[in-house]
Amino acid sequence: MKTFCFIFARGGSKGLPKKNIKSLFNKPLIKYSIDIAKEINEIDKCFVSTDCEEIAKVSKSNGAEIIHRPKEISHDKSPEWLAWKHAINWTYDNYGKFTKFISLPATAPLRSKDDVIKCLNAFQSREDVIITMTEASRNPWFNMVIKNEKEGIDLILKSKKKISRRQDAPEVFDLTTVAYVLNPEFILKNNSIWDGNVKGILIPKERALDIDNEFDFKIAEMILGMNKK
């Protein structure tokens, strides 16, 4: 049984230019994911799929093997699922088949080794997909709204019974980018994680930050700074 780790990092980030290799405490952001993968015994190899030579150079120098992603699946609107399929087919051609696919996005540098191991251990034969989630700050049954046709405001979801406290609303979660574990064959045969049996692993908020813009990056710097102290 083999477990291969993949980090998918495009070069064209608009929210935070060059975020995947932006220095976070004197360490390229993508190196946080590579280092976690290298620390886990179950992970046999770590690959970075990218369309950017600069990301490829940084990743290779930090111990990852590079998968050169075609430009046609590297645009803003390109589903990452296509990059997953490309990476699996490339790996099959170069290293043969493997059992577990794990994606560790570069944008979640606060994850712990234990978070990743927990996800790997949760993947059993009855699951197609393991995702990570954290407790949501907002709830569509209580304090999330949408504009209606009359230019007024309605709750996104309406319950038959009146919900006057957030504690009475159904529990909801935010998806995170801490880790994704899947059967590679499931990815090749389907087009979405929701096509299969999905299990969620709860991650504490302080380790579930997903860096998308400069504000998120500043929060990551603050949390890492506090941890170092």
C-alpha atoms as a PDB file:
ATOM      1  CA  MET A   1       0.000   0.000   0.000  1.00  0.00           C
ATOM      2  CA  LYS A   2       1.347   3.404  -1.006  1.00  0.00           C
ATOM      3  CA  THR A   3       0.321   6.899   0.051  1.00  0.00           C
ATOM      4  CA  PHE A   4       1.296   9.811  -2.159  1.00  0.00           C
ATOM      5  CA  CYS A   5       0.955  13.440  -1.120  1.00  0.00           C
ATOM      6  CA  PHE A   6       0.122  16.171  -3.619  1.00  0.00           C
ATOM      7  CA  ILE A   7       0.339  19.945  -3.277  1.00  0.00           C
ATOM      8  CA  PHE A   8      -1.423  21.896  -6.017  1.00  0.00           C
ATOM      9  CA  ALA A   9      -0.024  25.387  -6.499  1.00  0.00           C
ATOM     10  CA  ARG A  10      -0.842  27.619  -9.451  1.00  0.00           C
ATOM     11  CA  GLY A  11       1.294  30.625 -10.212  1.00  0.00           C
ATOM     12  CA  GLY A  12      -1.549  33.015 -11.011  1.00  0.00           C
ATOM     13  CA  SER A  13      -2.976  33.879  -7.597  1.00  0.00           C
ATOM     14  CA  LYS A  14      -4.836  37.215  -7.711  1.00  0.00           C
ATOM     15  CA  GLY A  15      -5.930  37.605  -4.081  1.00  0.00           C
ATOM     16  CA  LEU A  16      -2.320  37.465  -2.919  1.00  0.00           C
ATOM     17  CA  PRO A  17       0.240  37.426  -5.767  1.00  0.00           C
ATOM     18  CA  LYS A  18       2.851  34.653  -5.496  1.00  0.00           C
ATOM     19  CA  LYS A  19       1.254  33.550  -2.218  1.00  0.00           C
ATOM     20  CA  ASN A  20       2.429  29.933  -2.543  1.00  0.00           C
ATOM     21  CA  ILE A  21       6.073  30.981  -2.207  1.00  0.00           C
ATOM     22  CA  LYS A  22       5.566  34.132  -0.149  1.00  0.00           C
ATOM     23  CA  SER A  23       7.856  34.111   2.894  1.00  0.00           C
ATOM     24  CA  LEU A  24       6.104  33.337   6.166  1.00  0.00           C
ATOM     25  CA  PHE A  25       8.583  33.576   9.056  1.00  0.00           C
ATOM     26  CA  ASN A  26      11.498  33.217   6.608  1.00  0.00           C
ATOM     27  CA  LYS A  27       9.992  30.113   5.057  1.00  0.00           C
ATOM     28  CA  PRO A  28       8.164  29.855   1.697  1.00  0.00           C
ATOM     29  CA  LEU A  29       4.489  29.149   2.340  1.00  0.00           C
ATOM     30  CA  ILE A  30       4.527  25.944   0.299  1.00  0.00           C
ATOM     31  CA  LYS A  31       7.379  24.559   2.419  1.00  0.00           C
ATOM     32  CA  TYR A  32       5.017  24.200   5.389  1.00  0.00           C
ATOM     33  CA  SER A  33       3.022  21.585   3.461  1.00  0.00           C
ATOM     34  CA  ILE A  34       6.121  19.864   2.080  1.00  0.00           C
ATOM     35  CA  ASP A  35       7.695  19.631   5.546  1.00  0.00           C
ATOM     36  CA  ILE A  36       4.552  18.111   7.097  1.00  0.00           C
ATOM     37  CA  ALA A  37       4.433  15.479   4.330  1.00  0.00           C
ATOM     38  CA  LYS A  38       8.106  14.603   4.881  1.00  0.00           C
ATOM     39  CA  GLU A  39       7.516  14.133   8.625  1.00  0.00           C
ATOM     40  CA  ILE A  40       4.787  11.489   8.198  1.00  0.00           C
ATOM     41  CA  ASN A  41       6.035   7.940   7.785  1.00  0.00           C
ATOM     42  CA  GLU A  42       2.953   6.732   5.929  1.00  0.00           C
ATOM     43  CA  ILE A  43       3.506   9.228   3.098  1.00  0.00           C
ATOM     44  CA  ASP A  44       5.847   7.647   0.561  1.00  0.00           C
ATOM     45  CA  LYS A  45       6.371  10.581  -1.806  1.00  0.00           C
ATOM     46  CA  CYS A  46       5.452  14.261  -2.028  1.00  0.00           C
ATOM     47  CA  PHE A  47       4.621  15.932  -5.345  1.00  0.00           C
ATOM     48  CA  VAL A  48       3.943  19.546  -6.243  1.00  0.00           C
ATOM     49  CA  SER A  49       1.719  20.116  -9.267  1.00  0.00           C
ATOM     50  CA  THR A  50       2.303  23.570 -10.726  1.00  0.00           C
ATOM     51  CA  ASP A  51       2.341  25.616 -13.914  1.00  0.00           C
ATOM     52  CA  CYS A  52       4.929  28.022 -12.479  1.00  0.00           C
ATOM     53  CA  GLU A  53       8.680  27.517 -12.838  1.00  0.00           C
ATOM     54  CA  GLU A  54       9.411  29.658  -9.777  1.00  0.00           C
ATOM     55  CA  ILE A  55       7.126  27.522  -7.590  1.00  0.00           C
ATOM     56  CA  ALA A  56       8.663  24.401  -9.115  1.00  0.00           C
ATOM     57  CA  LYS A  57      12.193  25.578  -8.293  1.00  0.00           C
ATOM     58  CA  VAL A  58      11.332  26.422  -4.671  1.00  0.00           C
ATOM     59  CA  SER A  59       9.425  23.156  -4.197  1.00  0.00           C
ATOM     60  CA  LYS A  60      12.150  20.986  -5.702  1.00  0.00           C
ATOM     61  CA  SER A  61      14.811  22.637  -3.533  1.00  0.00           C
ATOM     62  CA  ASN A  62      12.710  21.717  -0.488  1.00  0.00           C
ATOM     63  CA  GLY A  63      12.387  18.055  -1.360  1.00  0.00           C
ATOM     64  CA  ALA A  64       9.254  17.728  -3.480  1.00  0.00           C
ATOM     65  CA  GLU A  65       9.022  16.125  -6.903  1.00  0.00           C
ATOM     66  CA  ILE A  66       7.501  18.338  -9.589  1.00  0.00           C
ATOM     67  CA  ILE A  67       4.512  17.579 -11.804  1.00  0.00           C
ATOM     68  CA  HIS A  68       4.327  20.173 -14.571  1.00  0.00           C
ATOM     69  CA  ARG A  69       0.674  21.112 -14.884  1.00  0.00           C
ATOM     70  CA  PRO A  70      -0.599  21.981 -18.391  1.00  0.00           C
ATOM     71  CA  LYS A  71      -1.627  25.601 -18.886  1.00  0.00           C
ATOM     72  CA  GLU A  72      -5.103  24.589 -20.055  1.00  0.00           C
ATOM     73  CA  ILE A  73      -5.967  23.337 -16.546  1.00  0.00           C
ATOM     74  CA  SER A  74      -4.160  26.120 -14.692  1.00  0.00           C
ATOM     75  CA  HIS A  75      -6.530  29.054 -15.197  1.00  0.00           C
ATOM     76  CA  ASP A  76      -8.520  30.863 -12.509  1.00  0.00           C
ATOM     77  CA  LYS A  77     -11.679  29.023 -13.512  1.00  0.00           C
ATOM     78  CA  SER A  78     -10.074  25.605 -14.003  1.00  0.00           C
ATOM     79  CA  PRO A  79     -11.526  23.093 -11.511  1.00  0.00           C
ATOM     80  CA  GLU A  80      -8.741  21.751  -9.296  1.00  0.00           C
ATOM     81  CA  TRP A  81     -10.338  18.330  -9.756  1.00  0.00           C
ATOM     82  CA  LEU A  82      -8.850  18.302 -13.280  1.00  0.00           C
ATOM     83  CA  ALA A  83      -5.404  18.957 -11.823  1.00  0.00           C
ATOM     84  CA  TRP A  84      -5.992  16.061  -9.404  1.00  0.00           C
ATOM     85  CA  LYS A  85      -6.812  13.732 -12.299  1.00  0.00           C
ATOM     86  CA  HIS A  86      -3.788  14.917 -14.260  1.00  0.00           C
ATOM     87  CA  ALA A  87      -1.486  14.357 -11.276  1.00  0.00           C
ATOM     88  CA  ILE A  88      -2.810  10.845 -10.661  1.00  0.00           C
ATOM     89  CA  ASN A  89      -2.424   9.816 -14.302  1.00  0.00           C
ATOM     90  CA  TRP A  90       1.100  11.283 -14.349  1.00  0.00           C
ATOM     91  CA  THR A  91       1.984   9.393 -11.189  1.00  0.00           C
ATOM     92  CA  TYR A  92       0.509   6.133 -12.492  1.00  0.00           C
ATOM     93  CA  ASP A  93       2.662   6.501 -15.621  1.00  0.00           C
ATOM     94  CA  ASN A  94       5.854   7.248 -13.685  1.00  0.00           C
ATOM     95  CA  TYR A  95       5.497   5.345 -10.396  1.00  0.00           C
ATOM     96  CA  GLY A  96       2.608   2.929 -10.824  1.00  0.00           C
ATOM     97  CA  LYS A  97      -0.619   2.784  -8.878  1.00  0.00           C
ATOM     98  CA  PHE A  98      -0.994   3.838  -5.256  1.00  0.00           C
ATOM     99  CA  THR A  99      -3.644   3.419  -2.564  1.00  0.00           C
ATOM    100  CA  LYS A 100      -4.175   6.799  -0.885  1.00  0.00           C
ATOM    101  CA  PHE A 101      -4.188  10.260  -2.411  1.00  0.00           C
ATOM    102  CA  ILE A 102      -3.709  13.100   0.056  1.00  0.00           C
ATOM    103  CA  SER A 103      -3.790  16.770  -0.879  1.00  0.00           C
ATOM    104  CA  LEU A 104      -2.158  19.262   1.504  1.00  0.00           C
ATOM    105  CA  PRO A 105      -2.886  22.735   0.109  1.00  0.00           C
ATOM    106  CA  ALA A 106      -0.100  25.250   0.585  1.00  0.00           C
ATOM    107  CA  THR A 107      -2.612  27.762   1.958  1.00  0.00           C
ATOM    108  CA  ALA A 108      -3.080  25.961   5.300  1.00  0.00           C
ATOM    109  CA  PRO A 109       0.294  26.368   7.057  1.00  0.00           C
ATOM    110  CA  LEU A 110      -1.122  26.114  10.587  1.00  0.00           C
ATOM    111  CA  ARG A 111      -2.158  22.449  10.301  1.00  0.00           C
ATOM    112  CA  SER A 112      -0.403  20.002  12.610  1.00  0.00           C
ATOM    113  CA  LYS A 113       1.181  16.657  11.854  1.00  0.00           C
ATOM    114  CA  ASP A 114      -1.462  15.043  14.065  1.00  0.00           C
ATOM    115  CA  ASP A 115      -4.249  16.644  11.984  1.00  0.00           C
ATOM    116  CA  VAL A 116      -2.900  14.990   8.848  1.00  0.00           C
ATOM    117  CA  ILE A 117      -2.347  11.613  10.506  1.00  0.00           C
ATOM    118  CA  LYS A 118      -5.891  11.719  11.861  1.00  0.00           C
ATOM    119  CA  CYS A 119      -7.212  12.191   8.331  1.00  0.00           C
ATOM    120  CA  LEU A 120      -5.094   9.359   6.950  1.00  0.00           C
ATOM    121  CA  ASN A 121      -6.217   7.012   9.729  1.00  0.00           C
ATOM    122  CA  ALA A 122      -9.885   7.900   9.153  1.00  0.00           C
ATOM    123  CA  PHE A 123      -9.727   6.723   5.552  1.00  0.00           C
ATOM    124  CA  GLN A 124     -11.180   3.208   5.491  1.00  0.00           C
ATOM    125  CA  SER A 125     -12.635   1.025   2.751  1.00  0.00           C
ATOM    126  CA  ARG A 126     -16.157   2.406   3.293  1.00  0.00           C
ATOM    127  CA  GLU A 127     -15.053   6.012   2.672  1.00  0.00           C
ATOM    128  CA  ASP A 128     -14.304   7.563  -0.705  1.00  0.00           C
ATOM    129  CA  VAL A 129     -13.312  10.965   0.659  1.00  0.00           C
ATOM    130  CA  ILE A 130     -12.014  12.477   3.900  1.00  0.00           C
ATOM    131  CA  ILE A 131     -12.368  16.244   4.212  1.00  0.00           C
ATOM    132  CA  THR A 132     -11.570  18.607   7.072  1.00  0.00           C
ATOM    133  CA  MET A 133     -13.933  21.076   8.686  1.00  0.00           C
ATOM    134  CA  THR A 134     -14.180  23.472  11.580  1.00  0.00           C
ATOM    135  CA  GLU A 135     -17.072  24.862  13.604  1.00  0.00           C
ATOM    136  CA  ALA A 136     -18.820  27.577  11.595  1.00  0.00           C
ATOM    137  CA  SER A 137     -19.020  31.141  12.882  1.00  0.00           C
ATOM    138  CA  ARG A 138     -22.299  31.722  11.043  1.00  0.00           C
ATOM    139  CA  ASN A 139     -25.396  29.571  10.678  1.00  0.00           C
ATOM    140  CA  PRO A 140     -27.755  29.691   7.651  1.00  0.00           C
ATOM    141  CA  TRP A 141     -30.719  28.877   9.900  1.00  0.00           C
ATOM    142  CA  PHE A 142     -29.985  31.764  12.258  1.00  0.00           C
ATOM    143  CA  ASN A 143     -27.684  34.582  11.131  1.00  0.00           C
ATOM    144  CA  MET A 144     -26.932  34.181   7.420  1.00  0.00           C
ATOM    145  CA  VAL A 145     -29.190  36.063   5.017  1.00  0.00           C
ATOM    146  CA  ILE A 146     -29.888  36.495   1.324  1.00  0.00           C
ATOM    147  CA  LYS A 147     -31.621  39.230  -0.685  1.00  0.00           C
ATOM    148  CA  ASN A 148     -35.108  38.246  -1.813  1.00  0.00           C
ATOM    149  CA  GLU A 149     -37.078  39.208  -4.934  1.00  0.00           C
ATOM    150  CA  LYS A 150     -38.709  42.144  -3.086  1.00  0.00           C
ATOM    151  CA  GLU A 151     -35.267  43.619  -2.335  1.00  0.00           C
ATOM    152  CA  GLY A 152     -35.676  42.615   1.287  1.00  0.00           C
ATOM    153  CA  ILE A 153     -33.686  40.174   3.364  1.00  0.00           C
ATOM    154  CA  ASP A 154     -34.482  36.553   4.253  1.00  0.00           C
ATOM    155  CA  LEU A 155     -32.637  33.841   6.089  1.00  0.00           C
ATOM    156  CA  ILE A 156     -30.807  31.543   3.698  1.00  0.00           C
ATOM    157  CA  LEU A 157     -32.563  28.539   5.221  1.00  0.00           C
ATOM    158  CA  LYS A 158     -35.911  28.645   6.992  1.00  0.00           C
ATOM    159  CA  SER A 159     -36.921  26.129   9.617  1.00  0.00           C
ATOM    160  CA  LYS A 160     -40.520  25.044  10.237  1.00  0.00           C
ATOM    161  CA  LYS A 161     -39.993  25.736  13.903  1.00  0.00           C
ATOM    162  CA  LYS A 162     -38.971  29.174  15.120  1.00  0.00           C
ATOM    163  CA  ILE A 163     -35.273  29.382  15.986  1.00  0.00           C
ATOM    164  CA  SER A 164     -34.602  32.220  18.391  1.00  0.00           C
ATOM    165  CA  ARG A 165     -31.144  31.110  19.582  1.00  0.00           C
ATOM    166  CA  ARG A 166     -28.147  29.994  17.584  1.00  0.00           C
ATOM    167  CA  GLN A 167     -27.858  26.996  19.910  1.00  0.00           C
ATOM    168  CA  ASP A 168     -31.259  25.765  18.665  1.00  0.00           C
ATOM    169  CA  ALA A 169     -30.225  25.775  15.005  1.00  0.00           C
ATOM    170  CA  PRO A 170     -28.821  22.642  13.331  1.00  0.00           C
ATOM    171  CA  GLU A 171     -25.052  22.439  13.757  1.00  0.00           C
ATOM    172  CA  VAL A 172     -23.105  23.508  10.674  1.00  0.00           C
ATOM    173  CA  PHE A 173     -19.431  23.504   9.752  1.00  0.00           C
ATOM    174  CA  ASP A 174     -17.035  25.373   7.481  1.00  0.00           C
ATOM    175  CA  LEU A 175     -14.933  23.314   5.092  1.00  0.00           C
ATOM    176  CA  THR A 176     -11.189  23.827   5.492  1.00  0.00           C
ATOM    177  CA  THR A 177      -8.153  23.164   3.315  1.00  0.00           C
ATOM    178  CA  VAL A 178      -6.166  21.338   5.997  1.00  0.00           C
ATOM    179  CA  ALA A 179      -6.244  18.012   4.129  1.00  0.00           C
ATOM    180  CA  TYR A 180      -8.157  15.897   1.621  1.00  0.00           C
ATOM    181  CA  VAL A 181      -7.727  12.120   1.524  1.00  0.00           C
ATOM    182  CA  LEU A 182      -9.242  10.134  -1.334  1.00  0.00           C
ATOM    183  CA  ASN A 183      -9.064   6.900  -3.239  1.00  0.00           C
ATOM    184  CA  PRO A 184      -7.229   7.855  -6.477  1.00  0.00           C
ATOM    185  CA  GLU A 185      -9.521   5.609  -8.521  1.00  0.00           C
ATOM    186  CA  PHE A 186     -12.529   7.471  -7.143  1.00  0.00           C
ATOM    187  CA  ILE A 187     -11.054  10.749  -8.425  1.00  0.00           C
ATOM    188  CA  LEU A 188     -10.467   9.328 -11.893  1.00  0.00           C
ATOM    189  CA  LYS A 189     -14.020   7.951 -12.139  1.00  0.00           C
ATOM    190  CA  ASN A 190     -15.913  10.938 -10.721  1.00  0.00           C
ATOM    191  CA  ASN A 191     -16.112  14.720 -10.977  1.00  0.00           C
ATOM    192  CA  SER A 192     -16.658  15.898  -7.410  1.00  0.00           C
ATOM    193  CA  ILE A 193     -15.939  14.867  -3.833  1.00  0.00           C
ATOM    194  CA  TRP A 194     -19.721  14.865  -3.303  1.00  0.00           C
ATOM    195  CA  ASP A 195     -20.162  11.975  -5.746  1.00  0.00           C
ATOM    196  CA  GLY A 196     -19.021   9.564  -3.042  1.00  0.00           C
ATOM    197  CA  ASN A 197     -19.185   8.702   0.633  1.00  0.00           C
ATOM    198  CA  VAL A 198     -17.650  11.695   2.456  1.00  0.00           C
ATOM    199  CA  LYS A 199     -16.463  11.824   6.061  1.00  0.00           C
ATOM    200  CA  GLY A 200     -15.456  15.028   7.849  1.00  0.00           C
ATOM    201  CA  ILE A 201     -12.677  15.462  10.403  1.00  0.00           C
ATOM    202  CA  LEU A 202     -13.064  18.350  12.848  1.00  0.00           C
ATOM    203  CA  ILE A 203     -10.063  20.693  13.076  1.00  0.00           C
ATOM    204  CA  PRO A 204      -9.671  23.455  15.700  1.00  0.00           C
ATOM    205  CA  LYS A 205     -10.143  26.950  14.280  1.00  0.00           C
ATOM    206  CA  GLU A 206      -6.626  28.009  15.246  1.00  0.00           C
ATOM    207  CA  ARG A 207      -5.188  25.387  12.857  1.00  0.00           C
ATOM    208  CA  ALA A 208      -7.750  25.709  10.070  1.00  0.00           C
ATOM    209  CA  LEU A 209      -6.860  29.088   8.549  1.00  0.00           C
ATOM    210  CA  ASP A 210      -6.931  29.155   4.739  1.00  0.00           C
ATOM    211  CA  ILE A 211      -4.765  31.937   3.301  1.00  0.00           C
ATOM    212  CA  ASP A 212      -6.486  33.640   0.393  1.00  0.00           C
ATOM    213  CA  ASN A 213      -5.456  37.293   0.768  1.00  0.00           C
ATOM    214  CA  GLU A 214      -3.130  39.670   2.609  1.00  0.00           C
ATOM    215  CA  PHE A 215      -5.430  39.824   5.649  1.00  0.00           C
ATOM    216  CA  ASP A 216      -5.339  36.027   6.044  1.00  0.00           C
ATOM    217  CA  PHE A 217      -1.560  36.132   5.698  1.00  0.00           C
ATOM    218  CA  LYS A 218      -1.278  38.680   8.504  1.00  0.00           C
ATOM    219  CA  ILE A 219      -3.423  36.481  10.746  1.00  0.00           C
ATOM    220  CA  ALA A 220      -1.145  33.503  10.015  1.00  0.00           C
ATOM    221  CA  GLU A 221       1.884  35.619  10.932  1.00  0.00           C
ATOM    222  CA  MET A 222       0.233  36.652  14.177  1.00  0.00           C
ATOM    223  CA  ILE A 223      -0.726  33.104  15.187  1.00  0.00           C
ATOM    224  CA  LEU A 224       2.664  31.661  14.303  1.00  0.00           C
ATOM    225  CA  GLY A 225       4.331  34.494  16.206  1.00  0.00           C
ATOM    226  CA  MET A 226       2.253  33.725  19.282  1.00  0.00           C
ATOM    227  CA  ASN A 227       3.067  30.024  18.996  1.00  0.00           C
ATOM    228  CA  LYS A 228       6.790  30.730  18.780  1.00  0.00           C
ATOM    229  CA  LYS A 229       6.623  32.817  21.949  1.00  0.00           C
END
